[in-house]
Amino acid sequence: MARNTKLARENGLSDAFIAIAEDGTGDLLCLRIGDSAELLREVYVWLHETCECEQIYRDLGEMIRMQE
């Protein structure tokens, strides 16, 4: 996670996000860091081509259920 986050930040990922996984296409699954430095529940995808983050799941549980 630390490596992917560092590399993504060098390529435009906001400091408000931490990368938790790769999706195999260059995009990363991320969690957002809240105002009190806690990780928020929502799961985002960081699009490497546009350097934008979009929320794709309400939480990790929803992400796992959608993969079954």
N, C-alpha and C. Protein backbone atom coordinates (compact mmCIF):
# COMPACT_ATOMS: atom_id res chain seq x y z
N MET A 1 0.81 -1.19 0.00
CA MET A 1 0.00 0.00 0.00
C MET A 1 0.86 1.26 0.00
N ALA A 2 1.88 1.26 0.83
CA ALA A 2 2.72 2.46 0.91
C ALA A 2 3.40 2.75 -0.42
N ARG A 3 3.90 1.72 -1.09
CA ARG A 3 4.58 1.89 -2.38
C ARG A 3 3.61 2.44 -3.43
N ASN A 4 2.43 1.80 -3.53
CA ASN A 4 1.45 2.25 -4.52
C ASN A 4 0.99 3.67 -4.25
N THR A 5 0.79 4.01 -2.98
CA THR A 5 0.37 5.36 -2.62
C THR A 5 1.44 6.36 -3.00
N LYS A 6 2.69 6.07 -2.67
CA LYS A 6 3.80 6.98 -2.99
C LYS A 6 3.91 7.19 -4.50
N LEU A 7 3.89 6.11 -5.26
CA LEU A 7 3.99 6.23 -6.72
C LEU A 7 2.82 7.00 -7.30
N ALA A 8 1.62 6.72 -6.81
CA ALA A 8 0.44 7.41 -7.33
C ALA A 8 0.48 8.89 -6.98
N ARG A 9 0.93 9.23 -5.79
CA ARG A 9 1.04 10.65 -5.41
C ARG A 9 2.04 11.37 -6.30
N GLU A 10 3.10 10.69 -6.68
CA GLU A 10 4.07 11.29 -7.61
C GLU A 10 3.44 11.53 -8.98
N ASN A 11 2.35 10.82 -9.26
CA ASN A 11 1.67 10.94 -10.55
C ASN A 11 0.30 11.60 -10.44
N GLY A 12 0.04 12.29 -9.33
CA GLY A 12 -1.17 13.10 -9.25
C GLY A 12 -2.23 12.70 -8.25
N LEU A 13 -2.06 11.60 -7.52
CA LEU A 13 -3.04 11.23 -6.51
C LEU A 13 -3.01 12.25 -5.38
N SER A 14 -4.17 12.73 -4.99
CA SER A 14 -4.27 13.70 -3.91
C SER A 14 -3.78 13.10 -2.59
N ASP A 15 -3.21 13.95 -1.74
CA ASP A 15 -2.79 13.52 -0.40
C ASP A 15 -3.97 13.09 0.46
N ALA A 16 -5.18 13.35 0.01
CA ALA A 16 -6.38 12.99 0.77
C ALA A 16 -6.75 11.51 0.60
N PHE A 17 -5.97 10.77 -0.21
CA PHE A 17 -6.29 9.36 -0.48
C PHE A 17 -5.09 8.47 -0.20
N ILE A 18 -5.39 7.21 0.13
CA ILE A 18 -4.36 6.18 0.28
C ILE A 18 -4.76 5.01 -0.61
N ALA A 19 -3.82 4.54 -1.39
CA ALA A 19 -4.08 3.42 -2.31
C ALA A 19 -4.08 2.12 -1.52
N ILE A 20 -5.11 1.28 -1.73
CA ILE A 20 -5.19 0.01 -1.01
C ILE A 20 -5.04 -1.19 -1.93
N ALA A 21 -5.21 -1.00 -3.24
CA ALA A 21 -5.09 -2.13 -4.17
C ALA A 21 -4.99 -1.62 -5.60
N GLU A 22 -4.43 -2.46 -6.46
CA GLU A 22 -4.39 -2.19 -7.90
C GLU A 22 -5.54 -2.94 -8.55
N ASP A 23 -6.02 -2.42 -9.67
CA ASP A 23 -7.09 -3.14 -10.37
C ASP A 23 -6.60 -3.85 -11.63
N GLY A 24 -5.31 -3.79 -11.90
CA GLY A 24 -4.75 -4.49 -13.06
C GLY A 24 -4.70 -3.67 -14.33
N THR A 25 -5.27 -2.46 -14.32
CA THR A 25 -5.27 -1.62 -15.51
C THR A 25 -4.47 -0.33 -15.31
N GLY A 26 -3.86 -0.18 -14.13
CA GLY A 26 -3.16 1.06 -13.81
C GLY A 26 -3.94 1.93 -12.86
N ASP A 27 -5.22 1.66 -12.71
CA ASP A 27 -6.05 2.40 -11.76
C ASP A 27 -5.88 1.77 -10.38
N LEU A 28 -6.17 2.55 -9.34
CA LEU A 28 -5.99 2.08 -7.97
C LEU A 28 -7.28 2.22 -7.18
N LEU A 29 -7.54 1.26 -6.30
CA LEU A 29 -8.62 1.39 -5.34
C LEU A 29 -8.06 2.15 -4.15
N CYS A 30 -8.83 3.11 -3.65
CA CYS A 30 -8.33 4.00 -2.60
C CYS A 30 -9.37 4.21 -1.51
N LEU A 31 -8.87 4.58 -0.34
CA LEU A 31 -9.70 5.08 0.74
C LEU A 31 -9.31 6.53 0.96
N ARG A 32 -10.29 7.33 1.39
CA ARG A 32 -10.03 8.74 1.64
C ARG A 32 -9.66 8.95 3.10
N ILE A 33 -8.76 9.86 3.34
CA ILE A 33 -8.34 10.21 4.69
C ILE A 33 -9.20 11.37 5.16
N GLY A 34 -9.85 11.20 6.32
CA GLY A 34 -10.74 12.23 6.86
C GLY A 34 -9.98 13.36 7.53
N ASP A 35 -10.73 14.35 8.00
CA ASP A 35 -10.14 15.53 8.64
C ASP A 35 -9.33 15.19 9.89
N SER A 36 -9.71 14.11 10.58
CA SER A 36 -9.00 13.72 11.80
C SER A 36 -7.98 12.62 11.53
N ALA A 37 -7.57 12.48 10.28
CA ALA A 37 -6.57 11.50 9.82
C ALA A 37 -7.07 10.06 9.88
N GLU A 38 -8.39 9.86 10.04
CA GLU A 38 -8.94 8.51 10.01
C GLU A 38 -9.30 8.14 8.58
N LEU A 39 -9.27 6.83 8.28
CA LEU A 39 -9.69 6.38 6.95
C LEU A 39 -11.20 6.30 6.92
N LEU A 40 -11.79 6.90 5.91
CA LEU A 40 -13.24 6.88 5.76
C LEU A 40 -13.67 5.58 5.10
N ARG A 41 -14.94 5.26 5.19
CA ARG A 41 -15.47 3.97 4.74
C ARG A 41 -15.54 3.81 3.22
N GLU A 42 -15.84 4.88 2.51
CA GLU A 42 -16.09 4.79 1.08
C GLU A 42 -14.85 4.34 0.31
N VAL A 43 -15.07 3.55 -0.73
CA VAL A 43 -13.99 3.07 -1.59
C VAL A 43 -14.04 3.86 -2.90
N TYR A 44 -12.89 4.35 -3.32
CA TYR A 44 -12.77 5.14 -4.54
C TYR A 44 -11.88 4.43 -5.53
N VAL A 45 -12.02 4.79 -6.79
CA VAL A 45 -11.06 4.36 -7.80
C VAL A 45 -10.33 5.61 -8.26
N TRP A 46 -8.99 5.52 -8.31
CA TRP A 46 -8.16 6.59 -8.87
C TRP A 46 -7.87 6.22 -10.30
N LEU A 47 -8.32 7.05 -11.21
CA LEU A 47 -8.16 6.82 -12.64
C LEU A 47 -6.81 7.40 -13.08
N HIS A 48 -5.89 6.53 -13.43
CA HIS A 48 -4.53 6.98 -13.72
C HIS A 48 -4.44 7.88 -14.95
N GLU A 49 -5.37 7.75 -15.87
CA GLU A 49 -5.30 8.57 -17.09
C GLU A 49 -5.75 10.01 -16.84
N THR A 50 -6.66 10.21 -15.88
CA THR A 50 -7.18 11.55 -15.61
C THR A 50 -6.77 12.08 -14.24
N CYS A 51 -6.17 11.22 -13.41
CA CYS A 51 -5.77 11.57 -12.03
C CYS A 51 -6.96 12.01 -11.18
N GLU A 52 -8.12 11.45 -11.46
CA GLU A 52 -9.32 11.76 -10.69
C GLU A 52 -9.73 10.56 -9.86
N CYS A 53 -10.34 10.84 -8.71
CA CYS A 53 -10.88 9.79 -7.85
C CYS A 53 -12.40 9.85 -7.91
N GLU A 54 -13.02 8.68 -8.05
CA GLU A 54 -14.47 8.58 -8.07
C GLU A 54 -14.90 7.53 -7.06
N GLN A 55 -15.93 7.85 -6.27
CA GLN A 55 -16.43 6.86 -5.32
C GLN A 55 -17.14 5.75 -6.09
N ILE A 56 -16.81 4.49 -5.76
CA ILE A 56 -17.43 3.37 -6.46
C ILE A 56 -18.17 2.42 -5.53
N TYR A 57 -17.85 2.44 -4.23
CA TYR A 57 -18.54 1.60 -3.25
C TYR A 57 -18.75 2.39 -1.97
N ARG A 58 -19.82 2.04 -1.24
CA ARG A 58 -20.08 2.69 0.05
C ARG A 58 -19.06 2.29 1.10
N ASP A 59 -18.57 1.04 1.01
CA ASP A 59 -17.60 0.54 1.99
C ASP A 59 -16.96 -0.74 1.45
N LEU A 60 -16.00 -1.28 2.18
CA LEU A 60 -15.31 -2.50 1.74
C LEU A 60 -16.25 -3.69 1.68
N GLY A 61 -17.23 -3.76 2.58
CA GLY A 61 -18.20 -4.85 2.56
C GLY A 61 -18.97 -4.89 1.26
N GLU A 62 -19.42 -3.74 0.78
CA GLU A 62 -20.14 -3.68 -0.49
C GLU A 62 -19.22 -4.11 -1.63
N MET A 63 -17.96 -3.68 -1.60
CA MET A 63 -17.02 -4.06 -2.65
C MET A 63 -16.85 -5.57 -2.70
N ILE A 64 -16.70 -6.20 -1.54
CA ILE A 64 -16.53 -7.65 -1.49
C ILE A 64 -17.78 -8.36 -1.98
N ARG A 65 -18.96 -7.91 -1.54
CA ARG A 65 -20.21 -8.54 -1.98
C ARG A 65 -20.39 -8.44 -3.49
N MET A 66 -19.98 -7.34 -4.09
CA MET A 66 -20.14 -7.15 -5.53
C MET A 66 -19.21 -8.07 -6.33
N GLN A 67 -18.15 -8.56 -5.71
CA GLN A 67 -17.19 -9.43 -6.39
C GLN A 67 -17.59 -10.90 -6.34
N GLU A 68 -18.59 -11.24 -5.52
CA GLU A 68 -19.00 -12.65 -5.38
C GLU A 68 -19.82 -13.11 -6.55
